[in-house]
């Protein structure tokens, strides 16, 4: 960034104002290094004291900070506790919270705004989660205080481990629980890969997976999907790059809704076996993120059925039983899981045993099981209702599984602005893509332009709401 060319007033106040504008516009981002005092002074033809005064003014209001020999850097904005792609999702595609400018003017006005409707969050409908009251009461009666017999006790309570093993898609050597699916993915990747290693990821995929790879210094190797899951031919090519970890979502893929078929699982397993035969000593591990778990309508297909010693399977209970329970189960090889558990002992230690007992109660209670089954049917119906409504506007979207729908649009920025005008918020597609540039999954008929992710699980308003959203999406998509 050439800061000097943006400075009109060369006083300390003017220089500070110019940098402030660059920060607010997003041209200078958190962590960016500003020019040295001497360099900018020379470029502007002012004294170093003038530039130093500007830097001091910016530091006084919390926009920049001096890092000594590392220079002066732009400080994070208040929302920077969110990782980069989470921040993009929260801000509608721009980390500064300002909607991206559309590349073309809308050809028609958006429909008249109704009540504000947030379909961007990817969270379950709270009304479809099983009530906690009776489970909490039963657990509290059996465990009056939040005590524990030992800080070194087993990480999983026996009733929950028994239920998990009985429902697991393959026989795991070890089962543990952690604080949600992203926690599971993070801790597993930390044990499997080191700085500079290559990791195969789906394209598109869940944005925090990309953030995790970036945080750990891992090189992402993107592999596209089709309607049956990860493409075997592309995976075979990706493995030849030397990647030793594959991260995939076996069902209710976020954002596309794709679920891996049993046939595709056999094909991928065959690819892995060929790769292992051709690469003696390869340490390939597959990490499966079954984030929608119990509310997914598709079968629980896992590569662990074919490669049990090579698969770490993660099942989250956030979508089915509540995000605030913060529980995901992890099952797989002892060589990986024992290291994950050992590392957690130097941090949180264990996931609350009280909450584990609550989940075990819910997994064994008839009313809770019925509530989850009803949620599964409801999400399935909402997927199909919006897909059918979109088809009446000429937008053919293959309904998937889970709570999200991946809708093609001619231009993402334009679509977001149009939908916001209609009182509807969706997630931009860009953070879900492993690569930059045009969205290859958008298809030639839309110029490879883009997608938006719509959380259909939040469409609780019935047919009228579905019609309103479909109409707004059709106008926003440029159909």
Protein backbone atom coordinates (compact mmCIF):
# COMPACT_ATOMS: atom_id res chain seq x y z
CA UNK A 1 0.00 0.00 0.00
CA UNK A 2 1.45 3.36 -1.10
CA UNK A 3 0.28 5.54 1.77
CA UNK A 4 1.95 8.69 0.44
CA UNK A 5 -0.28 8.91 -2.64
CA UNK A 6 -3.38 9.11 -0.41
CA UNK A 7 -2.08 12.04 1.67
CA UNK A 8 -3.40 15.44 0.60
CA UNK A 9 -2.72 17.50 3.75
CA UNK A 10 0.92 16.98 4.81
CA UNK A 11 0.45 18.17 8.37
CA UNK A 12 0.47 15.60 11.22
CA UNK A 13 -3.33 15.91 11.39
CA UNK A 14 -3.69 15.42 7.61
CA UNK A 15 -1.40 12.40 7.50
CA UNK A 16 -3.25 10.79 10.42
CA UNK A 17 -6.60 11.46 8.75
CA UNK A 18 -5.46 9.88 5.49
CA UNK A 19 -4.30 6.70 7.25
CA UNK A 20 -7.53 6.60 9.25
CA UNK A 21 -9.55 6.70 6.02
CA UNK A 22 -7.49 3.85 4.58
CA UNK A 23 -8.16 1.76 7.68
CA UNK A 24 -11.90 2.44 7.64
CA UNK A 25 -12.17 1.64 3.93
CA UNK A 26 -10.38 -1.66 4.37
CA UNK A 27 -7.44 -0.70 2.15
CA UNK A 28 -5.27 -1.04 5.24
CA UNK A 29 -6.18 -4.14 7.23
CA UNK A 30 -5.36 -5.24 10.77
CA UNK A 31 -1.74 -6.34 10.95
CA UNK A 32 -0.63 -4.32 7.93
CA UNK A 33 2.69 -2.57 8.51
CA UNK A 34 2.83 1.18 7.91
CA UNK A 35 5.80 2.80 6.18
CA UNK A 36 8.69 3.75 8.45
CA UNK A 37 8.73 7.33 9.68
CA UNK A 38 11.83 8.17 7.65
CA UNK A 39 10.54 6.56 4.46
CA UNK A 40 7.16 8.29 4.51
CA UNK A 41 8.77 11.60 5.49
CA UNK A 42 11.05 11.36 2.47
CA UNK A 43 8.17 10.46 0.14
CA UNK A 44 6.06 13.39 1.41
CA UNK A 45 8.92 15.86 1.68
CA UNK A 46 8.28 16.58 5.35
CA UNK A 47 10.32 16.16 8.50
CA UNK A 48 10.39 12.82 10.36
CA UNK A 49 8.91 14.67 13.37
CA UNK A 50 5.77 15.45 11.29
CA UNK A 51 5.16 11.79 10.44
CA UNK A 52 6.02 10.75 13.99
CA UNK A 53 3.38 13.15 15.27
CA UNK A 54 0.80 11.55 12.95
CA UNK A 55 1.72 8.06 14.16
CA UNK A 56 1.40 9.20 17.79
CA UNK A 57 -2.06 10.62 17.10
CA UNK A 58 -3.18 7.37 15.50
CA UNK A 59 -1.79 5.35 18.40
CA UNK A 60 -3.61 7.57 20.90
CA UNK A 61 -7.00 6.60 19.40
CA UNK A 62 -6.15 2.90 19.12
CA UNK A 63 -5.79 2.63 15.34
CA UNK A 64 -2.10 1.65 15.25
CA UNK A 65 0.62 0.43 17.58
CA UNK A 66 4.39 0.44 17.49
CA UNK A 67 6.04 -2.99 17.49
CA UNK A 68 9.61 -1.73 17.88
CA UNK A 69 11.82 -3.06 15.14
CA UNK A 70 8.79 -4.74 13.56
CA UNK A 71 7.47 -1.26 12.79
CA UNK A 72 4.09 0.36 13.27
CA UNK A 73 1.10 -1.85 12.45
CA UNK A 74 -2.64 -1.38 12.07
CA UNK A 75 -4.50 -2.65 15.12
CA UNK A 76 -7.43 -5.04 14.83
CA UNK A 77 -10.93 -3.65 14.82
CA UNK A 78 -13.18 -4.41 17.83
CA UNK A 79 -14.68 -7.51 16.14
CA UNK A 80 -11.28 -9.03 15.43
CA UNK A 81 -11.71 -11.65 18.13
CA UNK A 82 -13.45 -13.44 15.28
CA UNK A 83 -11.15 -15.31 12.87
CA UNK A 84 -10.96 -13.72 9.39
CA UNK A 85 -13.56 -15.80 7.56
CA UNK A 86 -15.95 -15.83 10.51
CA UNK A 87 -15.59 -12.04 10.47
CA UNK A 88 -16.45 -11.97 6.78
CA UNK A 89 -19.57 -14.01 7.42
CA UNK A 90 -20.64 -11.80 10.32
CA UNK A 91 -20.12 -8.64 8.27
CA UNK A 92 -21.76 -9.88 5.09
CA UNK A 93 -18.49 -10.41 3.25
CA UNK A 94 -16.53 -7.33 4.39
CA UNK A 95 -14.46 -7.33 7.56
CA UNK A 96 -15.20 -3.66 8.17
CA UNK A 97 -18.93 -4.36 8.36
CA UNK A 98 -19.71 -2.27 5.27
CA UNK A 99 -21.64 -4.15 2.57
CA UNK A 100 -19.59 -4.72 -0.57
CA UNK A 101 -20.48 -2.43 -3.46
CA UNK A 102 -22.39 -4.23 -6.20
CA UNK A 103 -20.71 -4.42 -9.59
CA UNK A 104 -23.93 -3.65 -11.44
CA UNK A 105 -27.13 -1.81 -10.63
CA UNK A 106 -30.13 -4.03 -9.85
CA UNK A 107 -32.36 -4.34 -12.93
CA UNK A 108 -35.49 -4.41 -10.77
CA UNK A 109 -36.36 -3.22 -7.25
CA UNK A 110 -36.24 -5.74 -4.46
CA UNK A 111 -39.57 -6.83 -3.03
CA UNK A 112 -41.08 -4.73 -0.30
CA UNK A 113 -39.22 -5.49 2.93
CA UNK A 114 -41.03 -7.66 5.43
CA UNK A 115 -39.91 -8.32 9.00
CA UNK A 116 -36.09 -8.62 9.23
CA UNK A 117 -35.07 -12.19 8.56
CA UNK A 118 -31.54 -13.47 9.27
CA UNK A 119 -30.78 -16.54 7.16
CA UNK A 120 -27.01 -16.13 7.42
CA UNK A 121 -26.04 -17.69 10.74
CA UNK A 122 -26.02 -21.43 10.02
CA UNK A 123 -27.50 -22.13 13.45
CA UNK A 124 -30.41 -24.47 14.23
CA UNK A 125 -33.94 -23.25 14.89
CA UNK A 126 -34.13 -22.89 18.72
CA UNK A 127 -37.77 -23.99 18.63
CA UNK A 128 -36.70 -27.38 17.27
CA UNK A 129 -34.13 -28.18 19.96
CA UNK A 130 -35.21 -30.67 22.64
CA UNK A 131 -36.16 -29.02 25.96
CA UNK A 132 -33.52 -29.32 28.66
CA UNK A 133 -35.69 -28.96 31.76
CA UNK A 134 -36.32 -32.58 32.64
CA UNK A 135 -32.83 -33.71 31.68
CA UNK A 136 -31.30 -30.98 33.85
CA UNK A 137 -33.54 -31.92 36.76
CA UNK A 138 -32.63 -35.60 36.53
CA UNK A 139 -28.92 -34.88 36.27
CA UNK A 140 -29.09 -32.38 39.15
CA UNK A 141 -30.89 -34.93 41.33
CA UNK A 142 -28.17 -37.49 40.68
CA UNK A 143 -25.32 -34.96 40.91
CA UNK A 144 -26.25 -32.24 43.44
CA UNK A 145 -22.94 -30.34 43.13
CA UNK A 146 -20.54 -29.61 40.30
CA UNK A 147 -17.76 -31.66 41.76
CA UNK A 148 -15.40 -34.22 40.31
CA UNK A 149 -13.62 -37.10 41.95
CA UNK A 150 -10.34 -36.44 40.17
CA UNK A 151 -8.82 -33.98 37.77
CA UNK A 152 -7.23 -37.00 36.09
CA UNK A 153 -10.42 -39.01 35.53
CA UNK A 154 -11.45 -40.39 32.16
CA UNK A 155 -12.57 -37.65 29.73
CA UNK A 156 -15.90 -39.30 28.85
CA UNK A 157 -18.57 -40.35 31.34
CA UNK A 158 -19.54 -44.00 31.00
CA UNK A 159 -23.23 -43.58 29.99
CA UNK A 160 -22.30 -41.23 27.16
CA UNK A 161 -19.41 -43.36 25.91
CA UNK A 162 -21.68 -46.40 25.82
CA UNK A 163 -24.28 -44.54 23.74
CA UNK A 164 -21.64 -43.10 21.43
CA UNK A 165 -20.01 -46.44 20.71
CA UNK A 166 -23.39 -48.05 20.03
CA UNK A 167 -24.23 -45.41 17.41
CA UNK A 168 -20.78 -44.88 15.82
CA UNK A 169 -20.56 -45.68 12.08
CA UNK A 170 -17.50 -47.90 12.67
CA UNK A 171 -15.71 -49.41 15.67
CA UNK A 172 -13.27 -46.78 16.96
CA UNK A 173 -10.27 -47.62 19.12
CA UNK A 174 -10.91 -44.53 21.24
CA UNK A 175 -13.83 -42.17 21.84
CA UNK A 176 -13.61 -38.79 23.56
CA UNK A 177 -15.63 -35.60 23.75
CA UNK A 178 -14.52 -32.01 23.20
CA UNK A 179 -16.10 -28.55 23.13
CA UNK A 180 -17.77 -28.61 19.72
CA UNK A 181 -16.84 -29.66 16.20
CA UNK A 182 -14.42 -26.80 15.50
CA UNK A 183 -12.59 -27.59 18.75
CA UNK A 184 -12.36 -31.20 17.60
CA UNK A 185 -11.03 -30.22 14.18
CA UNK A 186 -8.52 -27.81 15.68
CA UNK A 187 -7.11 -30.24 18.21
CA UNK A 188 -6.96 -33.08 15.71
CA UNK A 189 -5.19 -31.02 13.05
CA UNK A 190 -2.69 -29.81 15.65
CA UNK A 191 -1.70 -33.41 16.28
CA UNK A 192 -1.62 -34.53 12.65
CA UNK A 193 0.10 -31.71 10.79
CA UNK A 194 2.91 -29.25 11.31
CA UNK A 195 3.84 -25.90 9.84
CA UNK A 196 4.16 -26.13 6.06
CA UNK A 197 2.38 -29.47 5.71
CA UNK A 198 -0.27 -29.89 3.03
CA UNK A 199 -3.89 -30.63 3.93
CA UNK A 200 -6.59 -31.63 1.44
CA UNK A 201 -9.76 -29.56 1.91
CA UNK A 202 -13.07 -29.48 0.08
CA UNK A 203 -13.81 -26.55 -2.21
CA UNK A 204 -16.15 -25.04 -1.11
CA UNK A 205 -16.10 -25.84 2.60
CA UNK A 206 -16.72 -24.47 6.08
CA UNK A 207 -14.70 -21.21 6.42
CA UNK A 208 -13.21 -21.91 9.89
CA UNK A 209 -11.46 -24.95 8.40
CA UNK A 210 -9.53 -22.60 6.15
CA UNK A 211 -8.82 -20.27 9.08
CA UNK A 212 -7.53 -23.22 11.11
CA UNK A 213 -5.18 -24.22 8.32
CA UNK A 214 -3.92 -20.65 8.05
CA UNK A 215 -3.42 -20.37 11.81
CA UNK A 216 -1.43 -23.61 11.89
CA UNK A 217 0.65 -22.64 8.86
CA UNK A 218 -0.77 -25.47 6.73
CA UNK A 219 -0.97 -25.35 2.95
CA UNK A 220 -4.49 -26.05 1.70
CA UNK A 221 -4.92 -28.32 -1.33
CA UNK A 222 -8.49 -27.74 -2.60
CA UNK A 223 -10.53 -30.60 -4.07
CA UNK A 224 -13.97 -30.03 -5.68
CA UNK A 225 -17.16 -31.95 -4.93
CA UNK A 226 -20.00 -33.31 -7.00
CA UNK A 227 -23.44 -34.49 -5.87
CA UNK A 228 -21.96 -37.64 -4.28
CA UNK A 229 -19.17 -36.00 -2.32
CA UNK A 230 -15.44 -35.47 -2.77
CA UNK A 231 -14.36 -36.25 -6.34
CA UNK A 232 -12.06 -39.31 -6.34
CA UNK A 233 -10.06 -38.22 -9.39
CA UNK A 234 -9.30 -34.83 -7.89
CA UNK A 235 -8.46 -36.41 -4.53
CA UNK A 236 -6.00 -38.76 -6.20
CA UNK A 237 -4.22 -35.80 -7.79
CA UNK A 238 -4.23 -33.89 -4.50
CA UNK A 239 -2.64 -36.77 -2.61
CA UNK A 240 0.24 -36.75 -5.08
CA UNK A 241 1.22 -33.32 -3.70
CA UNK A 242 2.35 -35.03 -0.50
CA UNK A 243 -0.69 -34.17 1.63
CA UNK A 244 -1.03 -36.46 4.66
CA UNK A 245 -4.34 -35.17 6.01
CA UNK A 246 -7.74 -35.03 4.29
CA UNK A 247 -10.54 -32.99 5.85
CA UNK A 248 -14.08 -33.66 4.60
CA UNK A 249 -17.71 -33.40 5.63
CA UNK A 250 -19.40 -36.77 5.07
CA UNK A 251 -23.01 -35.50 5.12
CA UNK A 252 -25.05 -32.30 5.11
CA UNK A 253 -21.97 -30.59 3.70
CA UNK A 254 -21.75 -26.93 4.69
CA UNK A 255 -22.52 -24.99 2.49
CA UNK A 256 -23.74 -27.26 -0.36
CA UNK A 257 -25.81 -29.82 1.56
CA UNK A 258 -24.11 -32.70 -0.30
CA UNK A 259 -23.83 -36.06 1.47
CA UNK A 260 -21.27 -38.72 0.61
CA UNK A 261 -22.88 -41.87 -0.79
CA UNK A 262 -21.77 -45.36 0.20
CA UNK A 263 -20.56 -45.88 -3.37
CA UNK A 264 -18.45 -42.74 -3.23
CA UNK A 265 -17.03 -43.81 0.14
CA UNK A 266 -15.83 -47.07 -1.44
CA UNK A 267 -14.31 -45.14 -4.36
CA UNK A 268 -12.45 -42.76 -2.04
CA UNK A 269 -11.25 -45.67 0.09
CA UNK A 270 -9.87 -47.30 -3.07
CA UNK A 271 -8.03 -44.07 -3.94
CA UNK A 272 -6.51 -43.97 -0.46
CA UNK A 273 -5.43 -47.62 -0.61
CA UNK A 274 -3.74 -47.09 -3.98
CA UNK A 275 -1.96 -44.04 -2.62
CA UNK A 276 -0.75 -45.89 0.49
CA UNK A 277 0.46 -48.82 -1.63
CA UNK A 278 2.40 -46.45 -3.88
CA UNK A 279 3.78 -44.41 -0.96
CA UNK A 280 5.29 -46.73 1.68
CA UNK A 281 5.34 -45.15 5.11
CA UNK A 282 2.72 -42.50 4.29
CA UNK A 283 0.92 -41.24 7.39
CA UNK A 284 -2.37 -40.34 5.70
CA UNK A 285 -5.28 -39.59 8.05
CA UNK A 286 -8.84 -38.61 7.11
CA UNK A 287 -10.73 -36.27 9.43
CA UNK A 288 -14.51 -36.34 9.02
CA UNK A 289 -16.61 -33.45 10.29
CA UNK A 290 -20.17 -34.76 10.80
CA UNK A 291 -21.35 -31.39 12.08
CA UNK A 292 -25.09 -31.90 11.57
CA UNK A 293 -25.16 -35.38 13.08
CA UNK A 294 -28.58 -36.32 14.37
CA UNK A 295 -30.58 -33.81 12.28
CA UNK A 296 -29.12 -35.04 8.98
CA UNK A 297 -31.50 -37.15 6.89
CA UNK A 298 -28.75 -38.96 4.97
CA UNK A 299 -27.17 -42.19 6.16
CA UNK A 300 -24.19 -41.93 8.48
CA UNK A 301 -21.63 -42.95 5.85
CA UNK A 302 -18.01 -42.91 7.03
CA UNK A 303 -14.72 -43.86 5.45
CA UNK A 304 -13.98 -45.43 8.82
CA UNK A 305 -16.04 -48.43 7.67
CA UNK A 306 -13.31 -49.08 5.09
CA UNK A 307 -10.22 -47.54 6.73
CA UNK A 308 -10.81 -47.63 10.51
CA UNK A 309 -7.14 -47.06 11.36
CA UNK A 310 -6.97 -43.98 9.13
CA UNK A 311 -10.16 -42.09 10.06
CA UNK A 312 -10.95 -39.63 12.85
CA UNK A 313 -14.71 -39.11 12.87
CA UNK A 314 -16.20 -36.03 14.57
CA UNK A 315 -19.90 -35.85 15.42
CA UNK A 316 -21.32 -32.60 16.74
CA UNK A 317 -24.47 -32.32 18.84
CA UNK A 318 -24.83 -28.56 18.38
CA UNK A 319 -27.38 -28.67 15.55
CA UNK A 320 -29.44 -31.44 17.11
CA UNK A 321 -29.34 -30.74 20.85
CA UNK A 322 -28.08 -27.18 21.21
CA UNK A 323 -24.96 -25.15 20.35
CA UNK A 324 -24.53 -24.08 23.98
CA UNK A 325 -24.04 -27.64 25.17
CA UNK A 326 -20.64 -27.33 23.42
CA UNK A 327 -20.23 -31.07 22.90
CA UNK A 328 -18.80 -32.98 19.98
CA UNK A 329 -17.73 -36.60 20.08
CA UNK A 330 -14.53 -37.79 18.43
CA UNK A 331 -13.76 -41.39 17.59
CA UNK A 332 -10.81 -42.96 15.83
CA UNK A 333 -7.32 -44.44 16.19
CA UNK A 334 -5.78 -44.51 19.65
CA UNK A 335 -2.54 -43.08 18.26
CA UNK A 336 -4.36 -39.83 17.40
CA UNK A 337 -7.04 -39.63 20.09
CA UNK A 338 -4.67 -40.28 22.99
CA UNK A 339 -2.57 -37.31 21.88
CA UNK A 340 -5.66 -35.12 21.59
CA UNK A 341 -6.76 -36.03 25.12
CA UNK A 342 -3.25 -35.52 26.51
CA UNK A 343 -3.03 -32.05 24.98
CA UNK A 344 -6.44 -31.07 26.40
CA UNK A 345 -5.21 -32.07 29.85
CA UNK A 346 -2.87 -29.07 29.59
CA UNK A 347 -5.80 -26.78 28.77
CA UNK A 348 -9.47 -27.28 29.67
CA UNK A 349 -8.78 -30.79 30.95
CA UNK A 350 -12.17 -32.20 30.06
CA UNK A 351 -15.58 -31.21 28.77
CA UNK A 352 -18.01 -30.59 31.63
CA UNK A 353 -19.15 -33.94 32.96
CA UNK A 354 -22.41 -32.35 34.01
CA UNK A 355 -23.12 -31.42 30.41
CA UNK A 356 -22.03 -34.86 29.28
CA UNK A 357 -24.61 -36.41 31.60
CA UNK A 358 -27.25 -34.01 30.24
CA UNK A 359 -26.47 -35.10 26.68
CA UNK A 360 -26.48 -38.77 27.67
CA UNK A 361 -29.91 -38.26 29.24
CA UNK A 362 -31.21 -36.59 26.07
CA UNK A 363 -29.84 -39.36 23.87
CA UNK A 364 -31.71 -41.93 25.93
CA UNK A 365 -34.99 -40.07 26.53
CA UNK A 366 -38.00 -40.86 24.35
CA UNK A 367 -39.34 -37.30 24.23
CA UNK A 368 -35.94 -35.85 23.35
CA UNK A 369 -35.44 -38.48 20.65
CA UNK A 370 -38.86 -37.60 19.22
CA UNK A 371 -38.00 -33.89 19.24
CA UNK A 372 -34.78 -34.47 17.31
CA UNK A 373 -36.60 -36.70 14.81
CA UNK A 374 -39.20 -33.98 14.30
CA UNK A 375 -36.44 -31.41 13.76
CA UNK A 376 -34.87 -33.68 11.13
CA UNK A 377 -38.17 -33.94 9.25
CA UNK A 378 -38.81 -30.21 9.53
CA UNK A 379 -35.41 -29.22 8.14
CA UNK A 380 -35.88 -31.69 5.29
CA UNK A 381 -39.26 -30.14 4.47
CA UNK A 382 -37.88 -26.57 4.61
CA UNK A 383 -35.07 -27.51 2.21
CA UNK A 384 -37.53 -28.85 -0.32
CA UNK A 385 -40.03 -26.04 0.12
CA UNK A 386 -37.51 -23.31 -0.71
CA UNK A 387 -35.98 -25.34 -3.56
CA UNK A 388 -39.44 -25.81 -5.08
CA UNK A 389 -40.29 -22.13 -4.68
CA UNK A 390 -37.01 -21.09 -6.33
CA UNK A 391 -37.73 -23.40 -9.27
CA UNK A 392 -40.89 -21.39 -10.03
CA UNK A 393 -38.56 -18.41 -10.61
CA UNK A 394 -36.25 -20.36 -12.89
CA UNK A 395 -33.56 -21.09 -10.28
CA UNK A 396 -32.85 -24.81 -10.15
CA UNK A 397 -31.19 -25.71 -6.87
CA UNK A 398 -30.65 -29.30 -5.89
CA UNK A 399 -31.90 -29.58 -2.29
CA UNK A 400 -29.34 -31.11 0.00
CA UNK A 401 -29.27 -32.24 3.59
CA UNK A 402 -29.02 -30.26 6.81
CA UNK A 403 -30.01 -26.64 7.33
CA UNK A 404 -28.30 -24.77 4.48
CA UNK A 405 -28.99 -24.20 0.78
CA UNK A 406 -26.27 -23.13 -1.69
CA UNK A 407 -27.88 -20.74 -4.16
CA UNK A 408 -26.10 -19.58 -7.36
CA UNK A 409 -26.11 -15.83 -8.07
CA UNK A 410 -24.83 -13.68 -10.92
CA UNK A 411 -22.89 -11.42 -8.53
CA UNK A 412 -22.48 -11.97 -4.80
CA UNK A 413 -22.08 -8.33 -3.80
CA UNK A 414 -25.16 -7.29 -5.76
CA UNK A 415 -27.16 -10.18 -4.31
CA UNK A 416 -26.26 -9.22 -0.74
CA UNK A 417 -27.30 -5.61 -1.28
CA UNK A 418 -30.61 -6.57 -2.90
CA UNK A 419 -31.45 -9.04 -0.16
CA UNK A 420 -30.57 -6.52 2.55
CA UNK A 421 -32.98 -4.08 0.90
CA UNK A 422 -35.64 -6.78 1.17
CA UNK A 423 -34.90 -7.24 4.88
CA UNK A 424 -33.21 -10.60 4.36
CA UNK A 425 -29.67 -11.48 5.34
CA UNK A 426 -27.75 -14.43 3.89
CA UNK A 427 -24.11 -15.46 4.00
CA UNK A 428 -21.78 -14.49 1.13
CA UNK A 429 -20.26 -17.38 -0.77
CA UNK A 430 -16.69 -16.09 -0.96
CA UNK A 431 -15.58 -17.14 2.57
CA UNK A 432 -16.61 -20.73 1.79
CA UNK A 433 -14.28 -21.02 -1.19
CA UNK A 434 -10.78 -22.42 -0.75
CA UNK A 435 -9.51 -20.47 -3.73
CA UNK A 436 -9.90 -16.86 -4.81
CA UNK A 437 -11.36 -15.59 -8.08
CA UNK A 438 -14.55 -16.72 -9.85
CA UNK A 439 -16.56 -19.44 -8.17
CA UNK A 440 -16.00 -22.60 -10.24
CA UNK A 441 -19.11 -24.21 -8.78
CA UNK A 442 -21.37 -21.43 -10.03
CA UNK A 443 -21.48 -22.91 -13.51
CA UNK A 444 -21.02 -21.48 -16.96
CA UNK A 445 -24.66 -20.46 -17.16
CA UNK A 446 -23.96 -17.83 -14.50
CA UNK A 447 -20.46 -17.01 -15.64
CA UNK A 448 -18.87 -18.79 -12.71
CA UNK A 449 -19.96 -15.81 -10.67
CA UNK A 450 -20.85 -16.95 -7.17
CA UNK A 451 -23.21 -18.30 -4.55
CA UNK A 452 -24.89 -17.27 -1.34
CA UNK A 453 -25.59 -19.61 1.54
CA UNK A 454 -29.14 -19.55 2.87
CA UNK A 455 -29.87 -21.10 6.27
CA UNK A 456 -33.20 -22.71 5.40
CA UNK A 457 -33.35 -24.12 8.92
CA UNK A 458 -34.41 -20.65 10.06
CA UNK A 459 -37.39 -20.50 7.68
CA UNK A 460 -40.00 -20.99 10.39
CA UNK A 461 -42.69 -18.66 9.04
CA UNK A 462 -44.52 -21.09 6.79
CA UNK A 463 -45.44 -20.87 3.08
CA UNK A 464 -45.76 -17.08 2.97
CA UNK A 465 -42.24 -16.64 4.31
CA UNK A 466 -40.86 -19.22 1.86
CA UNK A 467 -42.54 -17.36 -1.01
CA UNK A 468 -41.13 -14.03 0.15
CA UNK A 469 -37.60 -15.43 0.44
CA UNK A 470 -37.75 -17.20 -2.92
CA UNK A 471 -38.95 -14.03 -4.66
CA UNK A 472 -36.21 -11.95 -3.05
CA UNK A 473 -33.55 -14.55 -3.88
CA UNK A 474 -34.66 -14.69 -7.50
CA UNK A 475 -34.38 -10.90 -7.88
CA UNK A 476 -31.09 -10.85 -5.99
CA UNK A 477 -29.63 -13.64 -8.07
CA UNK A 478 -30.28 -11.79 -11.30
CA UNK A 479 -32.60 -14.47 -12.67
